[in-house]
Amino acid sequence: MTEFSEAERAYLSSQRLGRLATVDTKGQPQANPVGFFPQADGTILVGGYALGTTKKWRNLRSNPRVALVVDDIVSLKPWKVRGVDIRGEAELLTGPHDLGPHFSEELIRIHPQKIHSWGLEETG
């Protein structure tokens, strides 16, 4: 598993919304906004309401490859953006967790295999 740099960890901890991309059985990509939670072990948890009933969950049952992009705009003038693109394998989990009562018991754990980031010198 690939590890996050200190700057990447700090940035991910400051953000709460990313876009999760999965691929269905016909090869059609799907990207959706998701809440995510960086973990001390270097994985990322994704939670949601009734997550086990979603297309992204069904997609990951047949193909665990996933991408999560977290980015934002730091400044319009001058134009400055920053972000992290995480590629990896998803593990589908079901059971009690500590993310909060508004999340269903289903969780997606992302095991990063490739990480690309940009503009993070802005995050002290």
N, C-alpha and C. Protein backbone atom coordinates (compact mmCIF):
# COMPACT_ATOMS: atom_id res chain seq x y z
N MET A 1 0.84 -1.18 0.00
CA MET A 1 0.00 0.00 0.00
C MET A 1 0.89 1.24 0.00
N THR A 2 0.53 2.21 -0.80
CA THR A 2 1.25 3.47 -0.88
C THR A 2 0.89 4.34 0.32
N GLU A 3 1.85 5.12 0.80
CA GLU A 3 1.61 5.97 1.97
C GLU A 3 1.47 7.44 1.57
N PHE A 4 0.65 8.16 2.32
CA PHE A 4 0.47 9.59 2.10
C PHE A 4 1.63 10.37 2.71
N SER A 5 2.00 11.47 2.06
CA SER A 5 2.99 12.38 2.64
C SER A 5 2.31 13.17 3.77
N GLU A 6 3.11 13.87 4.56
CA GLU A 6 2.54 14.69 5.63
C GLU A 6 1.60 15.75 5.05
N ALA A 7 2.00 16.39 3.95
CA ALA A 7 1.16 17.42 3.32
C ALA A 7 -0.15 16.82 2.82
N GLU A 8 -0.10 15.63 2.25
CA GLU A 8 -1.33 14.97 1.77
C GLU A 8 -2.24 14.61 2.94
N ARG A 9 -1.67 14.09 4.02
CA ARG A 9 -2.48 13.75 5.20
C ARG A 9 -3.15 14.99 5.78
N ALA A 10 -2.38 16.08 5.89
CA ALA A 10 -2.93 17.32 6.44
C ALA A 10 -4.07 17.85 5.55
N TYR A 11 -3.86 17.82 4.26
CA TYR A 11 -4.89 18.31 3.34
C TYR A 11 -6.15 17.45 3.42
N LEU A 12 -6.00 16.13 3.35
CA LEU A 12 -7.16 15.24 3.40
C LEU A 12 -7.93 15.41 4.72
N SER A 13 -7.22 15.64 5.80
CA SER A 13 -7.87 15.84 7.10
C SER A 13 -8.65 17.15 7.16
N SER A 14 -8.31 18.09 6.29
CA SER A 14 -8.99 19.39 6.28
C SER A 14 -10.21 19.40 5.36
N GLN A 15 -10.42 18.35 4.61
CA GLN A 15 -11.52 18.28 3.65
C GLN A 15 -12.52 17.21 4.06
N ARG A 16 -13.74 17.30 3.58
CA ARG A 16 -14.76 16.29 3.90
C ARG A 16 -15.48 15.72 2.69
N LEU A 17 -15.32 16.34 1.52
CA LEU A 17 -16.05 15.89 0.34
C LEU A 17 -15.09 15.56 -0.79
N GLY A 18 -15.28 14.39 -1.38
CA GLY A 18 -14.49 13.98 -2.53
C GLY A 18 -15.40 13.38 -3.57
N ARG A 19 -14.82 12.97 -4.69
CA ARG A 19 -15.58 12.30 -5.74
C ARG A 19 -15.00 10.91 -5.93
N LEU A 20 -15.87 9.92 -5.76
CA LEU A 20 -15.49 8.52 -5.86
C LEU A 20 -15.88 7.99 -7.23
N ALA A 21 -14.93 7.43 -7.94
CA ALA A 21 -15.18 6.84 -9.26
C ALA A 21 -15.09 5.32 -9.17
N THR A 22 -16.11 4.67 -9.74
CA THR A 22 -16.15 3.22 -9.85
C THR A 22 -16.51 2.89 -11.30
N VAL A 23 -16.47 1.60 -11.63
CA VAL A 23 -16.79 1.16 -12.99
C VAL A 23 -17.78 0.02 -12.91
N ASP A 24 -18.85 0.09 -13.72
CA ASP A 24 -19.84 -0.99 -13.69
C ASP A 24 -19.42 -2.17 -14.55
N THR A 25 -20.23 -3.20 -14.59
CA THR A 25 -19.88 -4.44 -15.29
C THR A 25 -19.77 -4.26 -16.80
N LYS A 26 -20.32 -3.18 -17.35
CA LYS A 26 -20.22 -2.89 -18.79
C LYS A 26 -19.07 -1.94 -19.10
N GLY A 27 -18.29 -1.59 -18.08
CA GLY A 27 -17.15 -0.70 -18.28
C GLY A 27 -17.49 0.78 -18.22
N GLN A 28 -18.72 1.10 -17.84
CA GLN A 28 -19.15 2.50 -17.76
C GLN A 28 -18.71 3.10 -16.43
N PRO A 29 -17.93 4.20 -16.45
CA PRO A 29 -17.52 4.82 -15.19
C PRO A 29 -18.67 5.57 -14.54
N GLN A 30 -18.59 5.68 -13.23
CA GLN A 30 -19.55 6.44 -12.44
C GLN A 30 -18.77 7.21 -11.38
N ALA A 31 -19.04 8.49 -11.24
CA ALA A 31 -18.39 9.31 -10.20
C ALA A 31 -19.46 10.01 -9.39
N ASN A 32 -19.32 9.96 -8.07
CA ASN A 32 -20.28 10.57 -7.17
C ASN A 32 -19.58 11.27 -6.03
N PRO A 33 -20.16 12.38 -5.53
CA PRO A 33 -19.60 13.00 -4.33
C PRO A 33 -19.84 12.09 -3.13
N VAL A 34 -18.83 12.00 -2.26
CA VAL A 34 -18.92 11.16 -1.07
C VAL A 34 -18.21 11.84 0.09
N GLY A 35 -18.65 11.50 1.30
CA GLY A 35 -17.92 11.87 2.49
C GLY A 35 -16.84 10.83 2.72
N PHE A 36 -15.67 11.27 3.18
CA PHE A 36 -14.56 10.33 3.39
C PHE A 36 -13.85 10.67 4.69
N PHE A 37 -13.14 9.65 5.20
CA PHE A 37 -12.50 9.77 6.50
C PHE A 37 -11.13 9.10 6.46
N PRO A 38 -10.04 9.89 6.42
CA PRO A 38 -8.69 9.30 6.46
C PRO A 38 -8.48 8.56 7.77
N GLN A 39 -7.81 7.41 7.70
CA GLN A 39 -7.56 6.58 8.87
C GLN A 39 -6.07 6.56 9.20
N ALA A 40 -5.75 6.31 10.45
CA ALA A 40 -4.35 6.28 10.90
C ALA A 40 -3.54 5.21 10.18
N ASP A 41 -4.18 4.14 9.71
CA ASP A 41 -3.45 3.06 9.04
C ASP A 41 -3.19 3.36 7.56
N GLY A 42 -3.55 4.57 7.08
CA GLY A 42 -3.28 4.94 5.69
C GLY A 42 -4.41 4.62 4.73
N THR A 43 -5.48 4.03 5.21
CA THR A 43 -6.64 3.77 4.36
C THR A 43 -7.62 4.95 4.46
N ILE A 44 -8.61 4.93 3.60
CA ILE A 44 -9.66 5.95 3.60
C ILE A 44 -11.00 5.23 3.73
N LEU A 45 -11.84 5.67 4.65
CA LEU A 45 -13.18 5.13 4.77
C LEU A 45 -14.17 6.06 4.08
N VAL A 46 -15.12 5.46 3.36
CA VAL A 46 -16.20 6.19 2.72
C VAL A 46 -17.50 5.67 3.30
N GLY A 47 -18.32 6.58 3.79
CA GLY A 47 -19.60 6.19 4.36
C GLY A 47 -20.74 6.86 3.61
N GLY A 48 -21.95 6.45 3.92
CA GLY A 48 -23.11 7.06 3.28
C GLY A 48 -24.40 6.55 3.86
N TYR A 49 -25.48 7.14 3.41
CA TYR A 49 -26.80 6.73 3.82
C TYR A 49 -27.24 5.58 2.90
N ALA A 50 -27.56 4.44 3.48
CA ALA A 50 -27.97 3.25 2.71
C ALA A 50 -26.93 2.90 1.64
N LEU A 51 -25.66 2.98 2.00
CA LEU A 51 -24.56 2.76 1.05
C LEU A 51 -24.64 1.41 0.35
N GLY A 52 -25.10 0.39 1.05
CA GLY A 52 -25.18 -0.94 0.47
C GLY A 52 -26.21 -1.09 -0.64
N THR A 53 -27.08 -0.09 -0.82
CA THR A 53 -28.09 -0.15 -1.87
C THR A 53 -27.70 0.67 -3.10
N THR A 54 -26.52 1.27 -3.09
CA THR A 54 -26.13 2.19 -4.15
C THR A 54 -25.45 1.50 -5.32
N LYS A 55 -25.44 2.19 -6.46
CA LYS A 55 -24.76 1.68 -7.65
C LYS A 55 -23.26 1.54 -7.40
N LYS A 56 -22.67 2.49 -6.67
CA LYS A 56 -21.23 2.40 -6.41
C LYS A 56 -20.90 1.13 -5.63
N TRP A 57 -21.75 0.74 -4.69
CA TRP A 57 -21.55 -0.49 -3.92
C TRP A 57 -21.64 -1.70 -4.85
N ARG A 58 -22.68 -1.72 -5.70
CA ARG A 58 -22.82 -2.83 -6.66
C ARG A 58 -21.63 -2.88 -7.61
N ASN A 59 -21.19 -1.73 -8.09
CA ASN A 59 -20.02 -1.69 -8.97
C ASN A 59 -18.80 -2.31 -8.29
N LEU A 60 -18.57 -1.95 -7.03
CA LEU A 60 -17.39 -2.42 -6.32
C LEU A 60 -17.47 -3.91 -5.97
N ARG A 61 -18.65 -4.46 -5.93
CA ARG A 61 -18.78 -5.91 -5.69
C ARG A 61 -18.18 -6.70 -6.85
N SER A 62 -18.28 -6.15 -8.07
CA SER A 62 -17.75 -6.88 -9.23
C SER A 62 -16.37 -6.37 -9.65
N ASN A 63 -16.02 -5.14 -9.29
CA ASN A 63 -14.72 -4.58 -9.67
C ASN A 63 -14.26 -3.65 -8.55
N PRO A 64 -13.29 -4.08 -7.74
CA PRO A 64 -12.87 -3.28 -6.58
C PRO A 64 -11.97 -2.08 -6.89
N ARG A 65 -11.63 -1.88 -8.17
CA ARG A 65 -10.77 -0.74 -8.51
C ARG A 65 -11.54 0.56 -8.34
N VAL A 66 -10.88 1.54 -7.76
CA VAL A 66 -11.55 2.78 -7.39
C VAL A 66 -10.59 3.96 -7.51
N ALA A 67 -11.16 5.13 -7.69
CA ALA A 67 -10.40 6.39 -7.64
C ALA A 67 -11.19 7.36 -6.77
N LEU A 68 -10.47 8.09 -5.92
CA LEU A 68 -11.07 9.14 -5.10
C LEU A 68 -10.28 10.42 -5.36
N VAL A 69 -10.99 11.47 -5.78
CA VAL A 69 -10.35 12.76 -5.99
C VAL A 69 -10.91 13.74 -4.98
N VAL A 70 -10.00 14.41 -4.28
CA VAL A 70 -10.36 15.46 -3.32
C VAL A 70 -9.61 16.70 -3.77
N ASP A 71 -10.34 17.79 -4.07
CA ASP A 71 -9.67 19.00 -4.53
C ASP A 71 -10.48 20.22 -4.15
N ASP A 72 -9.84 21.38 -4.23
CA ASP A 72 -10.54 22.64 -4.00
C ASP A 72 -9.78 23.77 -4.67
N ILE A 73 -10.43 24.93 -4.71
CA ILE A 73 -9.83 26.13 -5.29
C ILE A 73 -9.34 26.99 -4.14
N VAL A 74 -8.05 27.29 -4.15
CA VAL A 74 -7.45 28.12 -3.11
C VAL A 74 -7.68 29.60 -3.43
N SER A 75 -7.54 29.96 -4.70
CA SER A 75 -7.64 31.35 -5.12
C SER A 75 -8.08 31.43 -6.58
N LEU A 76 -8.91 32.43 -6.90
CA LEU A 76 -9.31 32.66 -8.29
C LEU A 76 -8.31 33.55 -9.02
N LYS A 77 -7.80 34.58 -8.32
CA LYS A 77 -6.82 35.49 -8.91
C LYS A 77 -5.71 35.71 -7.89
N PRO A 78 -4.57 35.08 -8.06
CA PRO A 78 -4.23 34.19 -9.16
C PRO A 78 -4.91 32.82 -8.99
N TRP A 79 -5.09 32.14 -10.10
CA TRP A 79 -5.71 30.81 -10.09
C TRP A 79 -4.80 29.82 -9.39
N LYS A 80 -5.28 29.24 -8.28
CA LYS A 80 -4.52 28.22 -7.55
C LYS A 80 -5.49 27.14 -7.09
N VAL A 81 -5.18 25.91 -7.47
CA VAL A 81 -5.97 24.76 -7.05
C VAL A 81 -5.05 23.77 -6.35
N ARG A 82 -5.65 22.89 -5.58
CA ARG A 82 -4.87 21.86 -4.89
C ARG A 82 -5.74 20.62 -4.79
N GLY A 83 -5.09 19.48 -4.64
CA GLY A 83 -5.87 18.27 -4.51
C GLY A 83 -5.03 17.01 -4.41
N VAL A 84 -5.74 15.91 -4.23
CA VAL A 84 -5.13 14.59 -4.14
C VAL A 84 -5.99 13.63 -4.96
N ASP A 85 -5.34 12.85 -5.80
CA ASP A 85 -5.99 11.80 -6.59
C ASP A 85 -5.48 10.47 -6.05
N ILE A 86 -6.39 9.65 -5.54
CA ILE A 86 -6.03 8.37 -4.92
C ILE A 86 -6.59 7.24 -5.76
N ARG A 87 -5.74 6.35 -6.22
CA ARG A 87 -6.18 5.16 -6.96
C ARG A 87 -5.89 3.94 -6.09
N GLY A 88 -6.80 2.98 -6.09
CA GLY A 88 -6.55 1.81 -5.27
C GLY A 88 -7.62 0.76 -5.38
N GLU A 89 -7.65 -0.09 -4.36
CA GLU A 89 -8.61 -1.19 -4.27
C GLU A 89 -9.57 -0.91 -3.12
N ALA A 90 -10.83 -1.19 -3.36
CA ALA A 90 -11.85 -0.99 -2.34
C ALA A 90 -12.16 -2.31 -1.64
N GLU A 91 -12.37 -2.20 -0.36
CA GLU A 91 -12.81 -3.32 0.46
C GLU A 91 -14.19 -2.95 0.99
N LEU A 92 -15.18 -3.82 0.78
CA LEU A 92 -16.53 -3.55 1.26
C LEU A 92 -16.69 -4.12 2.66
N LEU A 93 -17.12 -3.28 3.59
CA LEU A 93 -17.28 -3.67 4.99
C LEU A 93 -18.72 -3.48 5.42
N THR A 94 -19.20 -4.35 6.28
CA THR A 94 -20.53 -4.19 6.87
C THR A 94 -20.44 -4.50 8.35
N GLY A 95 -20.98 -3.59 9.16
CA GLY A 95 -20.98 -3.80 10.59
C GLY A 95 -20.90 -2.49 11.33
N PRO A 96 -20.93 -2.56 12.65
CA PRO A 96 -20.87 -1.33 13.46
C PRO A 96 -19.57 -0.56 13.22
N HIS A 97 -19.66 0.76 13.31
CA HIS A 97 -18.48 1.62 13.15
C HIS A 97 -18.72 2.90 13.94
N ASP A 98 -17.70 3.77 13.97
CA ASP A 98 -17.75 4.99 14.76
C ASP A 98 -17.91 6.26 13.93
N LEU A 99 -18.34 6.15 12.67
CA LEU A 99 -18.43 7.34 11.82
C LEU A 99 -19.63 8.22 12.14
N GLY A 100 -20.62 7.67 12.79
CA GLY A 100 -21.79 8.46 13.16
C GLY A 100 -23.08 7.73 12.84
N PRO A 101 -24.15 8.08 13.54
CA PRO A 101 -25.42 7.36 13.39
C PRO A 101 -26.13 7.62 12.06
N HIS A 102 -25.75 8.68 11.34
CA HIS A 102 -26.41 8.98 10.07
C HIS A 102 -25.85 8.15 8.92
N PHE A 103 -24.82 7.35 9.18
CA PHE A 103 -24.25 6.47 8.16
C PHE A 103 -24.80 5.05 8.34
N SER A 104 -25.01 4.37 7.21
CA SER A 104 -25.44 2.98 7.29
C SER A 104 -24.27 2.11 7.75
N GLU A 105 -24.55 0.84 8.01
CA GLU A 105 -23.49 -0.07 8.47
C GLU A 105 -22.48 -0.40 7.38
N GLU A 106 -22.82 -0.16 6.12
CA GLU A 106 -21.88 -0.45 5.03
C GLU A 106 -20.85 0.67 4.92
N LEU A 107 -19.60 0.28 4.75
CA LEU A 107 -18.50 1.22 4.53
C LEU A 107 -17.64 0.72 3.41
N ILE A 108 -16.97 1.64 2.73
CA ILE A 108 -15.96 1.30 1.72
C ILE A 108 -14.62 1.71 2.30
N ARG A 109 -13.68 0.76 2.36
CA ARG A 109 -12.31 1.08 2.80
C ARG A 109 -11.43 1.07 1.55
N ILE A 110 -10.80 2.20 1.28
CA ILE A 110 -9.91 2.32 0.13
C ILE A 110 -8.48 2.07 0.58
N HIS A 111 -7.83 1.13 -0.10
CA HIS A 111 -6.41 0.82 0.12
C HIS A 111 -5.64 1.48 -1.02
N PRO A 112 -4.99 2.64 -0.76
CA PRO A 112 -4.30 3.37 -1.82
C PRO A 112 -3.15 2.56 -2.44
N GLN A 113 -3.07 2.62 -3.76
CA GLN A 113 -1.96 2.00 -4.49
C GLN A 113 -1.15 3.03 -5.26
N LYS A 114 -1.81 4.13 -5.63
CA LYS A 114 -1.13 5.22 -6.33
C LYS A 114 -1.73 6.53 -5.85
N ILE A 115 -0.88 7.49 -5.50
CA ILE A 115 -1.32 8.79 -5.01
C ILE A 115 -0.63 9.88 -5.81
N HIS A 116 -1.42 10.82 -6.29
CA HIS A 116 -0.87 11.99 -7.01
C HIS A 116 -1.49 13.23 -6.38
N SER A 117 -0.66 14.21 -6.02
CA SER A 117 -1.19 15.44 -5.43
C SER A 117 -0.59 16.65 -6.11
N TRP A 118 -1.27 17.79 -5.94
CA TRP A 118 -0.81 19.05 -6.53
C TRP A 118 -1.23 20.22 -5.64
N GLY A 119 -0.41 21.27 -5.65
CA GLY A 119 -0.73 22.51 -4.96
C GLY A 119 -0.76 22.45 -3.46
N LEU A 120 -0.19 21.44 -2.85
CA LEU A 120 -0.30 21.29 -1.41
C LEU A 120 0.70 22.11 -0.61
N GLU A 121 1.58 22.81 -1.26
CA GLU A 121 2.48 23.71 -0.53
C GLU A 121 1.69 24.81 0.17
N GLU A 122 0.44 24.98 -0.22
CA GLU A 122 -0.44 25.99 0.40
C GLU A 122 -0.91 25.57 1.78
N THR A 123 -0.89 24.25 2.08
CA THR A 123 -1.45 23.76 3.35
C THR A 123 -0.41 23.81 4.44
N GLY A 124 -0.11 24.58 5.21
CA GLY A 124 0.96 24.56 6.18
C GLY A 124 0.84 23.52 7.14
